[in-house]
Amino acid sequence: MPDRLTVGVAARLSRYLQVLTQAKKMGKDRISSQEISDYTNINATQIRRDLSAFGKFGKRGVGYNIDSLLGEIRKILRTQGQHNIALVGAGRLGQAIASSPIFAEHGINIAAVFDTDPDKVGRTVGNVPVTEYSRLKETVREKNIIVGVLAVPADNAQQAADDLVDAGLKIIFNYSEALLDVPSDVQVHTSNPAVELLHALYFHLT
């Protein structure tokens, strides 16, 4: 197995993981490369090539065992076990993120939720009580949090990112529209549904 995945392979494996997780929830035991292709729009030959690079997982005419392949991809992506994350922002977006079962399905635990609004502090978001923002740094260390998720207005995003970096985090998932200025050893992943939709429309309509 390669020591380090390329960005393209990692992105594709993540998409396979999404499909396999959903297929398992639908009660399926096996899945073919063509079925994965139908759900991801990734060529079936590319899918087989990606997976065969890490071992023999499927049989021609039979397909892949979903449980086995899920375990292998999680191992490849190093997502086995539980990973604690901190959610900054307990507004509508933060509440939606905290209430989603998707994170838990992939071993991601929302260990803490922070907000500066005193009316939100102490309330439960998802299954997690909202903590005072001033306790962010100590809580990140106490709960062994490794990723920060920003669900705050763009105007507040840079300060929140600075505080997460100061707390020692190296990975930030940014749901705001802000362009974040962080040290070179900190990874920022930005999610913008509108931009992703425009990207999809471009390829569908052209």
N, C-alpha and C. Protein backbone atom coordinates (compact mmCIF):
# COMPACT_ATOMS: atom_id res chain seq x y z
N MET A 1 0.85 -1.19 0.00
CA MET A 1 0.00 0.00 0.00
C MET A 1 0.88 1.24 0.00
N PRO A 2 0.59 2.26 -0.82
CA PRO A 2 1.41 3.46 -0.84
C PRO A 2 1.44 4.14 0.52
N ASP A 3 2.60 4.73 0.86
CA ASP A 3 2.70 5.43 2.14
C ASP A 3 1.78 6.63 2.19
N ARG A 4 1.61 7.28 1.06
CA ARG A 4 0.82 8.50 1.02
C ARG A 4 -0.07 8.49 -0.21
N LEU A 5 -1.36 8.65 -0.02
CA LEU A 5 -2.28 8.68 -1.14
C LEU A 5 -2.18 10.00 -1.88
N THR A 6 -2.37 9.96 -3.19
CA THR A 6 -2.49 11.22 -3.92
C THR A 6 -3.85 11.84 -3.58
N VAL A 7 -3.97 13.14 -3.82
CA VAL A 7 -5.22 13.83 -3.52
C VAL A 7 -6.39 13.21 -4.29
N GLY A 8 -6.14 12.87 -5.55
CA GLY A 8 -7.20 12.30 -6.39
C GLY A 8 -7.69 10.96 -5.87
N VAL A 9 -6.75 10.07 -5.50
CA VAL A 9 -7.13 8.75 -4.99
C VAL A 9 -7.87 8.89 -3.67
N ALA A 10 -7.38 9.74 -2.78
CA ALA A 10 -8.04 9.94 -1.48
C ALA A 10 -9.46 10.46 -1.66
N ALA A 11 -9.64 11.38 -2.61
CA ALA A 11 -10.96 11.94 -2.86
C ALA A 11 -11.91 10.87 -3.39
N ARG A 12 -11.41 10.03 -4.29
CA ARG A 12 -12.26 8.97 -4.84
C ARG A 12 -12.61 7.93 -3.78
N LEU A 13 -11.63 7.54 -2.98
CA LEU A 13 -11.90 6.56 -1.93
C LEU A 13 -12.93 7.09 -0.94
N SER A 14 -12.89 8.38 -0.66
CA SER A 14 -13.87 8.99 0.24
C SER A 14 -15.27 8.89 -0.35
N ARG A 15 -15.37 9.05 -1.66
CA ARG A 15 -16.68 8.93 -2.32
C ARG A 15 -17.16 7.48 -2.32
N TYR A 16 -16.24 6.54 -2.51
CA TYR A 16 -16.63 5.13 -2.43
C TYR A 16 -17.14 4.82 -1.02
N LEU A 17 -16.47 5.39 -0.03
CA LEU A 17 -16.87 5.16 1.37
C LEU A 17 -18.29 5.65 1.61
N GLN A 18 -18.64 6.80 1.05
CA GLN A 18 -20.00 7.34 1.20
C GLN A 18 -21.02 6.39 0.59
N VAL A 19 -20.73 5.89 -0.60
CA VAL A 19 -21.67 4.99 -1.28
C VAL A 19 -21.82 3.69 -0.51
N LEU A 20 -20.71 3.14 -0.05
CA LEU A 20 -20.75 1.87 0.67
C LEU A 20 -21.52 2.00 1.98
N THR A 21 -21.32 3.12 2.67
CA THR A 21 -22.03 3.34 3.93
C THR A 21 -23.53 3.41 3.70
N GLN A 22 -23.93 4.12 2.64
CA GLN A 22 -25.35 4.25 2.33
C GLN A 22 -25.93 2.91 1.86
N ALA A 23 -25.17 2.17 1.07
CA ALA A 23 -25.63 0.87 0.58
C ALA A 23 -25.85 -0.10 1.74
N LYS A 24 -24.96 -0.06 2.72
CA LYS A 24 -25.12 -0.92 3.89
C LYS A 24 -26.39 -0.55 4.66
N LYS A 25 -26.66 0.75 4.80
CA LYS A 25 -27.87 1.20 5.49
C LYS A 25 -29.12 0.74 4.75
N MET A 26 -29.01 0.57 3.43
CA MET A 26 -30.13 0.12 2.62
C MET A 26 -30.31 -1.41 2.67
N GLY A 27 -29.42 -2.08 3.40
CA GLY A 27 -29.54 -3.52 3.56
C GLY A 27 -28.79 -4.35 2.55
N LYS A 28 -27.95 -3.72 1.73
CA LYS A 28 -27.20 -4.47 0.72
C LYS A 28 -25.96 -5.12 1.35
N ASP A 29 -25.63 -6.32 0.87
CA ASP A 29 -24.45 -7.04 1.35
C ASP A 29 -23.28 -6.93 0.38
N ARG A 30 -23.61 -6.83 -0.93
CA ARG A 30 -22.58 -6.78 -1.95
C ARG A 30 -22.88 -5.64 -2.91
N ILE A 31 -21.83 -5.19 -3.60
CA ILE A 31 -22.00 -4.11 -4.56
C ILE A 31 -20.96 -4.28 -5.67
N SER A 32 -21.33 -3.95 -6.89
CA SER A 32 -20.40 -4.08 -8.02
C SER A 32 -19.72 -2.74 -8.29
N SER A 33 -18.64 -2.79 -9.03
CA SER A 33 -17.95 -1.55 -9.40
C SER A 33 -18.86 -0.69 -10.27
N GLN A 34 -19.72 -1.34 -11.08
CA GLN A 34 -20.63 -0.56 -11.92
C GLN A 34 -21.67 0.17 -11.08
N GLU A 35 -22.14 -0.46 -10.00
CA GLU A 35 -23.09 0.22 -9.11
C GLU A 35 -22.43 1.41 -8.43
N ILE A 36 -21.20 1.22 -7.98
CA ILE A 36 -20.47 2.34 -7.37
C ILE A 36 -20.31 3.45 -8.39
N SER A 37 -20.02 3.07 -9.62
CA SER A 37 -19.87 4.04 -10.71
C SER A 37 -21.16 4.82 -10.93
N ASP A 38 -22.29 4.12 -10.90
CA ASP A 38 -23.58 4.78 -11.13
C ASP A 38 -23.84 5.87 -10.09
N TYR A 39 -23.38 5.63 -8.85
CA TYR A 39 -23.64 6.58 -7.77
C TYR A 39 -22.61 7.70 -7.70
N THR A 40 -21.42 7.47 -8.25
CA THR A 40 -20.34 8.45 -8.12
C THR A 40 -19.97 9.14 -9.43
N ASN A 41 -20.42 8.57 -10.56
CA ASN A 41 -20.01 9.05 -11.89
C ASN A 41 -18.51 8.90 -12.13
N ILE A 42 -17.90 7.99 -11.39
CA ILE A 42 -16.50 7.63 -11.63
C ILE A 42 -16.50 6.35 -12.45
N ASN A 43 -15.69 6.30 -13.50
CA ASN A 43 -15.64 5.15 -14.39
C ASN A 43 -15.38 3.86 -13.61
N ALA A 44 -16.12 2.79 -13.94
CA ALA A 44 -15.99 1.52 -13.23
C ALA A 44 -14.58 0.95 -13.32
N THR A 45 -13.94 1.16 -14.46
CA THR A 45 -12.56 0.69 -14.62
C THR A 45 -11.63 1.40 -13.65
N GLN A 46 -11.85 2.71 -13.47
CA GLN A 46 -11.05 3.48 -12.52
C GLN A 46 -11.27 2.98 -11.10
N ILE A 47 -12.52 2.67 -10.78
CA ILE A 47 -12.85 2.16 -9.44
C ILE A 47 -12.10 0.85 -9.18
N ARG A 48 -12.17 -0.07 -10.14
CA ARG A 48 -11.47 -1.36 -9.97
C ARG A 48 -9.97 -1.15 -9.86
N ARG A 49 -9.44 -0.20 -10.63
CA ARG A 49 -8.00 0.09 -10.58
C ARG A 49 -7.61 0.65 -9.21
N ASP A 50 -8.42 1.58 -8.70
CA ASP A 50 -8.15 2.16 -7.37
C ASP A 50 -8.12 1.08 -6.30
N LEU A 51 -9.12 0.21 -6.32
CA LEU A 51 -9.25 -0.78 -5.26
C LEU A 51 -8.22 -1.90 -5.38
N SER A 52 -7.89 -2.29 -6.62
CA SER A 52 -6.93 -3.37 -6.81
C SER A 52 -5.52 -2.95 -6.39
N ALA A 53 -5.27 -1.64 -6.33
CA ALA A 53 -3.96 -1.15 -5.90
C ALA A 53 -3.69 -1.47 -4.43
N PHE A 54 -4.76 -1.79 -3.68
CA PHE A 54 -4.60 -2.04 -2.24
C PHE A 54 -4.87 -3.49 -1.87
N GLY A 55 -5.14 -4.35 -2.86
CA GLY A 55 -5.39 -5.76 -2.57
C GLY A 55 -6.54 -6.28 -3.40
N LYS A 56 -6.87 -7.56 -3.23
CA LYS A 56 -7.96 -8.17 -3.98
C LYS A 56 -9.21 -8.18 -3.10
N PHE A 57 -10.16 -7.30 -3.43
CA PHE A 57 -11.35 -7.16 -2.61
C PHE A 57 -12.59 -7.78 -3.25
N GLY A 58 -12.65 -7.84 -4.56
CA GLY A 58 -13.87 -8.30 -5.22
C GLY A 58 -13.63 -9.48 -6.13
N LYS A 59 -14.73 -10.10 -6.57
CA LYS A 59 -14.67 -11.20 -7.52
C LYS A 59 -15.50 -10.85 -8.74
N ARG A 60 -14.94 -11.15 -9.92
CA ARG A 60 -15.64 -10.86 -11.17
C ARG A 60 -17.01 -11.56 -11.18
N GLY A 61 -18.04 -10.80 -11.47
CA GLY A 61 -19.39 -11.35 -11.53
C GLY A 61 -20.08 -11.42 -10.18
N VAL A 62 -19.34 -11.20 -9.10
CA VAL A 62 -19.91 -11.29 -7.74
C VAL A 62 -19.93 -9.93 -7.06
N GLY A 63 -18.91 -9.14 -7.35
CA GLY A 63 -18.82 -7.81 -6.75
C GLY A 63 -18.06 -7.81 -5.44
N TYR A 64 -18.22 -6.74 -4.69
CA TYR A 64 -17.49 -6.53 -3.45
C TYR A 64 -18.39 -6.79 -2.24
N ASN A 65 -17.83 -7.43 -1.22
CA ASN A 65 -18.52 -7.53 0.06
C ASN A 65 -18.45 -6.16 0.74
N ILE A 66 -19.60 -5.59 1.03
CA ILE A 66 -19.64 -4.20 1.51
C ILE A 66 -18.95 -4.04 2.85
N ASP A 67 -19.21 -4.94 3.81
CA ASP A 67 -18.59 -4.82 5.13
C ASP A 67 -17.07 -4.90 5.03
N SER A 68 -16.59 -5.85 4.23
CA SER A 68 -15.14 -6.02 4.08
C SER A 68 -14.51 -4.80 3.43
N LEU A 69 -15.14 -4.30 2.36
CA LEU A 69 -14.58 -3.16 1.65
C LEU A 69 -14.64 -1.88 2.50
N LEU A 70 -15.71 -1.72 3.28
CA LEU A 70 -15.80 -0.57 4.19
C LEU A 70 -14.62 -0.57 5.15
N GLY A 71 -14.34 -1.73 5.73
CA GLY A 71 -13.24 -1.83 6.68
C GLY A 71 -11.90 -1.52 6.05
N GLU A 72 -11.70 -2.02 4.83
CA GLU A 72 -10.43 -1.80 4.15
C GLU A 72 -10.23 -0.34 3.77
N ILE A 73 -11.28 0.29 3.26
CA ILE A 73 -11.15 1.70 2.86
C ILE A 73 -10.92 2.59 4.09
N ARG A 74 -11.62 2.27 5.17
CA ARG A 74 -11.40 3.04 6.40
C ARG A 74 -9.97 2.88 6.89
N LYS A 75 -9.42 1.69 6.74
CA LYS A 75 -8.03 1.44 7.14
C LYS A 75 -7.08 2.25 6.24
N ILE A 76 -7.36 2.23 4.95
CA ILE A 76 -6.52 2.96 3.99
C ILE A 76 -6.56 4.46 4.28
N LEU A 77 -7.77 4.98 4.57
CA LEU A 77 -7.93 6.41 4.84
C LEU A 77 -7.60 6.77 6.28
N ARG A 78 -7.23 5.75 7.05
CA ARG A 78 -6.86 5.95 8.46
C ARG A 78 -8.01 6.56 9.26
N THR A 79 -9.23 6.08 8.99
CA THR A 79 -10.40 6.62 9.70
C THR A 79 -10.97 5.61 10.69
N GLN A 80 -10.21 4.52 10.98
CA GLN A 80 -10.70 3.60 11.98
C GLN A 80 -10.58 4.22 13.37
N GLY A 81 -11.43 3.76 14.28
CA GLY A 81 -11.41 4.31 15.62
C GLY A 81 -12.26 5.57 15.70
N GLN A 82 -12.16 6.26 16.80
CA GLN A 82 -12.98 7.45 17.01
C GLN A 82 -12.12 8.70 16.99
N HIS A 83 -12.60 9.73 16.30
CA HIS A 83 -11.89 11.00 16.20
C HIS A 83 -12.77 12.10 16.78
N ASN A 84 -12.23 12.83 17.73
CA ASN A 84 -12.99 13.89 18.39
C ASN A 84 -12.84 15.22 17.66
N ILE A 85 -13.97 15.89 17.44
CA ILE A 85 -13.93 17.19 16.78
C ILE A 85 -14.66 18.22 17.63
N ALA A 86 -14.30 19.49 17.40
CA ALA A 86 -14.95 20.61 18.08
C ALA A 86 -15.75 21.40 17.06
N LEU A 87 -16.97 21.71 17.40
CA LEU A 87 -17.84 22.51 16.53
C LEU A 87 -17.95 23.91 17.12
N VAL A 88 -17.58 24.91 16.34
CA VAL A 88 -17.67 26.30 16.79
C VAL A 88 -18.87 26.93 16.10
N GLY A 89 -19.87 27.28 16.89
CA GLY A 89 -21.09 27.87 16.35
C GLY A 89 -22.29 26.97 16.62
N ALA A 90 -23.24 27.47 17.42
CA ALA A 90 -24.42 26.67 17.78
C ALA A 90 -25.69 27.29 17.20
N GLY A 91 -25.53 28.01 16.08
CA GLY A 91 -26.70 28.56 15.39
C GLY A 91 -27.37 27.49 14.57
N ARG A 92 -28.16 27.90 13.57
CA ARG A 92 -28.92 26.91 12.79
C ARG A 92 -28.02 25.91 12.09
N LEU A 93 -26.94 26.41 11.47
CA LEU A 93 -26.03 25.51 10.77
C LEU A 93 -25.35 24.57 11.76
N GLY A 94 -24.87 25.11 12.85
CA GLY A 94 -24.22 24.29 13.87
C GLY A 94 -25.16 23.23 14.43
N GLN A 95 -26.41 23.60 14.65
CA GLN A 95 -27.38 22.64 15.16
C GLN A 95 -27.61 21.51 14.15
N ALA A 96 -27.68 21.87 12.87
CA ALA A 96 -27.88 20.86 11.83
C ALA A 96 -26.69 19.90 11.77
N ILE A 97 -25.49 20.44 11.87
CA ILE A 97 -24.29 19.61 11.83
C ILE A 97 -24.25 18.67 13.04
N ALA A 98 -24.52 19.23 14.22
CA ALA A 98 -24.45 18.44 15.45
C ALA A 98 -25.52 17.37 15.52
N SER A 99 -26.64 17.60 14.85
CA SER A 99 -27.76 16.65 14.90
C SER A 99 -27.67 15.57 13.82
N SER A 100 -26.74 15.72 12.90
CA SER A 100 -26.62 14.75 11.81
C SER A 100 -25.96 13.46 12.28
N PRO A 101 -26.50 12.31 11.89
CA PRO A 101 -25.89 11.03 12.28
C PRO A 101 -24.68 10.65 11.43
N ILE A 102 -24.41 11.43 10.38
CA ILE A 102 -23.36 11.07 9.43
C ILE A 102 -21.99 10.97 10.10
N PHE A 103 -21.69 11.89 11.00
CA PHE A 103 -20.37 11.89 11.63
C PHE A 103 -20.13 10.60 12.41
N ALA A 104 -21.11 10.23 13.24
CA ALA A 104 -20.97 9.03 14.07
C ALA A 104 -20.79 7.78 13.23
N GLU A 105 -21.44 7.74 12.06
CA GLU A 105 -21.34 6.58 11.18
C GLU A 105 -19.91 6.33 10.73
N HIS A 106 -19.11 7.39 10.72
CA HIS A 106 -17.72 7.27 10.27
C HIS A 106 -16.72 7.41 11.42
N GLY A 107 -17.19 7.20 12.64
CA GLY A 107 -16.28 7.24 13.79
C GLY A 107 -15.85 8.63 14.20
N ILE A 108 -16.64 9.64 13.80
CA ILE A 108 -16.32 11.02 14.16
C ILE A 108 -17.26 11.47 15.28
N ASN A 109 -16.67 11.89 16.38
CA ASN A 109 -17.44 12.26 17.55
C ASN A 109 -17.38 13.77 17.79
N ILE A 110 -18.54 14.42 17.80
CA ILE A 110 -18.57 15.85 18.15
C ILE A 110 -18.44 15.92 19.67
N ALA A 111 -17.23 16.18 20.11
CA ALA A 111 -16.92 16.13 21.54
C ALA A 111 -17.26 17.42 22.27
N ALA A 112 -17.34 18.53 21.53
CA ALA A 112 -17.63 19.82 22.17
C ALA A 112 -18.23 20.79 21.15
N VAL A 113 -19.14 21.61 21.63
CA VAL A 113 -19.74 22.67 20.81
C VAL A 113 -19.55 23.98 21.56
N PHE A 114 -19.10 25.01 20.85
CA PHE A 114 -18.82 26.30 21.49
C PHE A 114 -19.65 27.41 20.85
N ASP A 115 -20.01 28.40 21.67
CA ASP A 115 -20.69 29.58 21.16
C ASP A 115 -20.43 30.75 22.11
N THR A 116 -20.44 31.96 21.52
CA THR A 116 -20.22 33.17 22.33
C THR A 116 -21.52 33.72 22.89
N ASP A 117 -22.67 33.22 22.41
CA ASP A 117 -23.97 33.70 22.86
C ASP A 117 -24.34 33.06 24.19
N PRO A 118 -24.44 33.84 25.27
CA PRO A 118 -24.75 33.26 26.58
C PRO A 118 -26.10 32.55 26.61
N ASP A 119 -27.03 32.94 25.73
CA ASP A 119 -28.33 32.27 25.70
C ASP A 119 -28.24 30.84 25.17
N LYS A 120 -27.18 30.55 24.39
CA LYS A 120 -27.01 29.21 23.84
C LYS A 120 -26.20 28.30 24.76
N VAL A 121 -25.35 28.90 25.59
CA VAL A 121 -24.48 28.12 26.48
C VAL A 121 -25.33 27.30 27.46
N GLY A 122 -25.00 26.03 27.55
CA GLY A 122 -25.74 25.13 28.44
C GLY A 122 -26.84 24.37 27.75
N ARG A 123 -27.32 24.88 26.62
CA ARG A 123 -28.33 24.15 25.87
C ARG A 123 -27.68 22.97 25.14
N THR A 124 -28.49 21.97 24.87
CA THR A 124 -27.96 20.79 24.18
C THR A 124 -28.16 20.92 22.68
N VAL A 125 -27.08 20.71 21.95
CA VAL A 125 -27.12 20.71 20.49
C VAL A 125 -26.70 19.32 20.05
N GLY A 126 -27.61 18.61 19.34
CA GLY A 126 -27.36 17.20 19.11
C GLY A 126 -27.46 16.50 20.45
N ASN A 127 -26.36 15.90 20.88
CA ASN A 127 -26.30 15.31 22.23
C ASN A 127 -25.25 15.99 23.09
N VAL A 128 -24.82 17.18 22.66
CA VAL A 128 -23.69 17.84 23.33
C VAL A 128 -24.12 19.19 23.89
N PRO A 129 -23.85 19.45 25.17
CA PRO A 129 -24.16 20.77 25.73
C PRO A 129 -23.21 21.83 25.18
N VAL A 130 -23.74 23.00 24.92
CA VAL A 130 -22.92 24.10 24.38
C VAL A 130 -22.04 24.67 25.50
N THR A 131 -20.76 24.81 25.21
CA THR A 131 -19.78 25.30 26.17
C THR A 131 -19.43 26.76 25.87
N GLU A 132 -19.09 27.50 26.93
CA GLU A 132 -18.66 28.89 26.74
C GLU A 132 -17.44 28.92 25.82
N TYR A 133 -17.46 29.88 24.90
CA TYR A 133 -16.36 29.98 23.93
C TYR A 133 -15.02 30.22 24.63
N SER A 134 -15.05 30.89 25.75
CA SER A 134 -13.81 31.21 26.46
C SER A 134 -13.08 29.96 26.95
N ARG A 135 -13.78 28.83 26.98
CA ARG A 135 -13.18 27.58 27.45
C ARG A 135 -12.68 26.71 26.29
N LEU A 136 -12.62 27.26 25.09
CA LEU A 136 -12.26 26.48 23.91
C LEU A 136 -10.88 25.82 24.07
N LYS A 137 -9.89 26.59 24.42
CA LYS A 137 -8.53 26.07 24.44
C LYS A 137 -8.37 24.92 25.44
N GLU A 138 -8.87 25.09 26.64
CA GLU A 138 -8.71 24.05 27.65
C GLU A 138 -9.53 22.80 27.30
N THR A 139 -10.72 23.02 26.70
CA THR A 139 -11.56 21.89 26.36
C THR A 139 -10.97 21.06 25.23
N VAL A 140 -10.39 21.73 24.25
CA VAL A 140 -9.73 21.02 23.13
C VAL A 140 -8.66 20.08 23.68
N ARG A 141 -7.91 20.54 24.65
CA ARG A 141 -6.85 19.71 25.21
C ARG A 141 -7.40 18.61 26.11
N GLU A 142 -8.41 18.95 26.91
CA GLU A 142 -9.00 17.97 27.83
C GLU A 142 -9.62 16.79 27.07
N LYS A 143 -10.27 17.08 25.95
CA LYS A 143 -11.02 16.06 25.23
C LYS A 143 -10.30 15.49 24.02
N ASN A 144 -9.02 15.81 23.91
CA ASN A 144 -8.19 15.27 22.82
C ASN A 144 -8.84 15.50 21.46
N ILE A 145 -9.24 16.73 21.22
CA ILE A 145 -9.89 17.11 19.97
C ILE A 145 -8.82 17.37 18.91
N ILE A 146 -9.07 16.85 17.70
CA ILE A 146 -8.04 16.95 16.65
C ILE A 146 -8.49 17.78 15.45
N VAL A 147 -9.80 18.07 15.34
CA VAL A 147 -10.31 18.84 14.21
C VAL A 147 -11.29 19.89 14.72
N GLY A 148 -11.22 21.08 14.13
CA GLY A 148 -12.18 22.13 14.44
C GLY A 148 -13.10 22.37 13.26
N VAL A 149 -14.40 22.48 13.51
CA VAL A 149 -15.39 22.75 12.46
C VAL A 149 -15.99 24.12 12.70
N LEU A 150 -15.91 25.00 11.71
CA LEU A 150 -16.42 26.36 11.85
C LEU A 150 -17.80 26.48 11.22
N ALA A 151 -18.79 26.80 12.05
CA ALA A 151 -20.15 27.06 11.57
C ALA A 151 -20.57 28.42 12.09
N VAL A 152 -19.76 29.42 11.75
CA VAL A 152 -19.96 30.78 12.25
C VAL A 152 -20.06 31.75 11.07
N PRO A 153 -20.59 32.96 11.29
CA PRO A 153 -20.61 33.96 10.21
C PRO A 153 -19.20 34.26 9.72
N ALA A 154 -19.09 34.64 8.47
CA ALA A 154 -17.79 34.91 7.86
C ALA A 154 -16.98 35.93 8.65
N ASP A 155 -17.65 36.93 9.22
CA ASP A 155 -16.94 37.97 9.96
C ASP A 155 -16.25 37.43 11.21
N ASN A 156 -16.72 36.32 11.74
CA ASN A 156 -16.15 35.76 12.97
C ASN A 156 -15.21 34.58 12.71
N ALA A 157 -15.15 34.15 11.45
CA ALA A 157 -14.43 32.91 11.13
C ALA A 157 -12.93 33.01 11.38
N GLN A 158 -12.30 34.12 10.99
CA GLN A 158 -10.85 34.23 11.15
C GLN A 158 -10.44 34.18 12.62
N GLN A 159 -11.17 34.89 13.48
CA GLN A 159 -10.85 34.86 14.91
C GLN A 159 -11.01 33.46 15.47
N ALA A 160 -12.09 32.78 15.07
CA ALA A 160 -12.31 31.42 15.53
C ALA A 160 -11.19 30.49 15.05
N ALA A 161 -10.79 30.67 13.79
CA ALA A 161 -9.69 29.86 13.26
C ALA A 161 -8.40 30.12 14.02
N ASP A 162 -8.12 31.38 14.32
CA ASP A 162 -6.93 31.74 15.10
C ASP A 162 -6.94 31.04 16.46
N ASP A 163 -8.12 31.02 17.08
CA ASP A 163 -8.23 30.42 18.41
C ASP A 163 -8.08 28.90 18.35
N LEU A 164 -8.58 28.28 17.29
CA LEU A 164 -8.41 26.84 17.13
C LEU A 164 -6.94 26.49 16.90
N VAL A 165 -6.27 27.29 16.09
CA VAL A 165 -4.84 27.08 15.84
C VAL A 165 -4.06 27.27 17.14
N ASP A 166 -4.43 28.29 17.90
CA ASP A 166 -3.76 28.55 19.18
C ASP A 166 -3.97 27.40 20.16
N ALA A 167 -5.09 26.69 20.00
CA ALA A 167 -5.37 25.54 20.87
C ALA A 167 -4.62 24.30 20.42
N GLY A 168 -3.94 24.40 19.27
CA GLY A 168 -3.10 23.30 18.81
C GLY A 168 -3.66 22.48 17.66
N LEU A 169 -4.81 22.88 17.11
CA LEU A 169 -5.40 22.10 16.03
C LEU A 169 -4.70 22.37 14.70
N LYS A 170 -4.58 21.31 13.90
CA LYS A 170 -3.91 21.40 12.60
C LYS A 170 -4.87 21.19 11.44
N ILE A 171 -6.14 20.86 11.74
CA ILE A 171 -7.14 20.64 10.69
C ILE A 171 -8.39 21.44 11.02
N ILE A 172 -8.82 22.27 10.07
CA ILE A 172 -10.04 23.08 10.26
C ILE A 172 -10.96 22.84 9.07
N PHE A 173 -12.21 22.53 9.38
CA PHE A 173 -13.22 22.39 8.33
C PHE A 173 -14.08 23.64 8.38
N ASN A 174 -14.10 24.38 7.29
CA ASN A 174 -14.68 25.72 7.26
C ASN A 174 -16.01 25.73 6.50
N TYR A 175 -17.11 25.96 7.22
CA TYR A 175 -18.42 26.08 6.57
C TYR A 175 -18.77 27.53 6.26
N SER A 176 -17.92 28.47 6.65
CA SER A 176 -18.18 29.88 6.37
C SER A 176 -17.65 30.23 4.98
N GLU A 177 -17.96 31.45 4.52
CA GLU A 177 -17.47 31.90 3.22
C GLU A 177 -16.13 32.63 3.33
N ALA A 178 -15.60 32.72 4.53
CA ALA A 178 -14.37 33.47 4.74
C ALA A 178 -13.16 32.75 4.17
N LEU A 179 -12.21 33.52 3.64
CA LEU A 179 -10.91 32.99 3.25
C LEU A 179 -10.01 33.09 4.47
N LEU A 180 -9.60 31.96 5.00
CA LEU A 180 -8.87 31.94 6.26
C LEU A 180 -7.36 32.01 6.06
N ASP A 181 -6.73 32.82 6.87
CA ASP A 181 -5.27 32.96 6.86
C ASP A 181 -4.74 32.16 8.04
N VAL A 182 -4.10 31.02 7.76
CA VAL A 182 -3.60 30.15 8.82
C VAL A 182 -2.15 29.78 8.52
N PRO A 183 -1.42 29.29 9.52
CA PRO A 183 -0.03 28.86 9.28
C PRO A 183 0.04 27.74 8.24
N SER A 184 1.18 27.59 7.62
CA SER A 184 1.34 26.64 6.51
C SER A 184 1.15 25.18 6.94
N ASP A 185 1.31 24.89 8.22
CA ASP A 185 1.16 23.50 8.67
C ASP A 185 -0.28 23.19 9.11
N VAL A 186 -1.20 24.12 8.89
CA VAL A 186 -2.61 23.91 9.23
C VAL A 186 -3.39 23.70 7.94
N GLN A 187 -4.19 22.63 7.88
CA GLN A 187 -5.01 22.35 6.71
C GLN A 187 -6.41 22.94 6.89
N VAL A 188 -6.87 23.67 5.88
CA VAL A 188 -8.23 24.20 5.89
C VAL A 188 -9.01 23.57 4.75
N HIS A 189 -10.13 22.98 5.08
CA HIS A 189 -11.03 22.40 4.07
C HIS A 189 -12.32 23.19 4.11
N THR A 190 -12.66 23.82 2.99
CA THR A 190 -13.84 24.69 2.94
C THR A 190 -14.98 24.01 2.19
N SER A 191 -16.16 24.05 2.78
CA SER A 191 -17.34 23.48 2.14
C SER A 191 -18.30 24.61 1.79
N ASN A 192 -18.59 24.74 0.50
CA ASN A 192 -19.54 25.75 0.04
C ASN A 192 -20.53 25.07 -0.91
N PRO A 193 -21.73 24.72 -0.41
CA PRO A 193 -22.70 24.00 -1.25
C PRO A 193 -23.04 24.72 -2.55
N ALA A 194 -23.10 26.06 -2.53
CA ALA A 194 -23.45 26.81 -3.73
C ALA A 194 -22.39 26.63 -4.81
N VAL A 195 -21.12 26.69 -4.42
CA VAL A 195 -20.03 26.50 -5.38
C VAL A 195 -20.04 25.08 -5.93
N GLU A 196 -20.27 24.10 -5.04
CA GLU A 196 -20.32 22.71 -5.48
C GLU A 196 -21.49 22.48 -6.44
N LEU A 197 -22.62 23.16 -6.19
CA LEU A 197 -23.77 23.04 -7.07
C LEU A 197 -23.46 23.65 -8.44
N LEU A 198 -22.80 24.81 -8.45
CA LEU A 198 -22.42 25.43 -9.72
C LEU A 198 -21.48 24.52 -10.52
N HIS A 199 -20.58 23.86 -9.82
CA HIS A 199 -19.66 22.92 -10.46
C HIS A 199 -20.43 21.79 -11.11
N ALA A 200 -21.42 21.25 -10.39
CA ALA A 200 -22.23 20.16 -10.94
C ALA A 200 -23.06 20.64 -12.14
N LEU A 201 -23.62 21.83 -12.04
CA LEU A 201 -24.43 22.38 -13.13
C LEU A 201 -23.61 22.60 -14.39
N TYR A 202 -22.37 23.06 -14.20
CA TYR A 202 -21.48 23.32 -15.33
C TYR A 202 -21.31 22.05 -16.17
N PHE A 203 -21.03 20.92 -15.51
CA PHE A 203 -20.78 19.68 -16.24
C PHE A 203 -22.07 19.07 -16.78
N HIS A 204 -23.19 19.39 -16.14
CA HIS A 204 -24.47 18.83 -16.61
C HIS A 204 -25.02 19.63 -17.81
N LEU A 205 -24.79 20.93 -17.80
CA LEU A 205 -25.42 21.79 -18.78
C LEU A 205 -24.52 22.11 -19.97
N THR A 206 -23.25 21.70 -19.90
CA THR A 206 -22.33 22.01 -21.00
C THR A 206 -21.88 20.76 -21.72
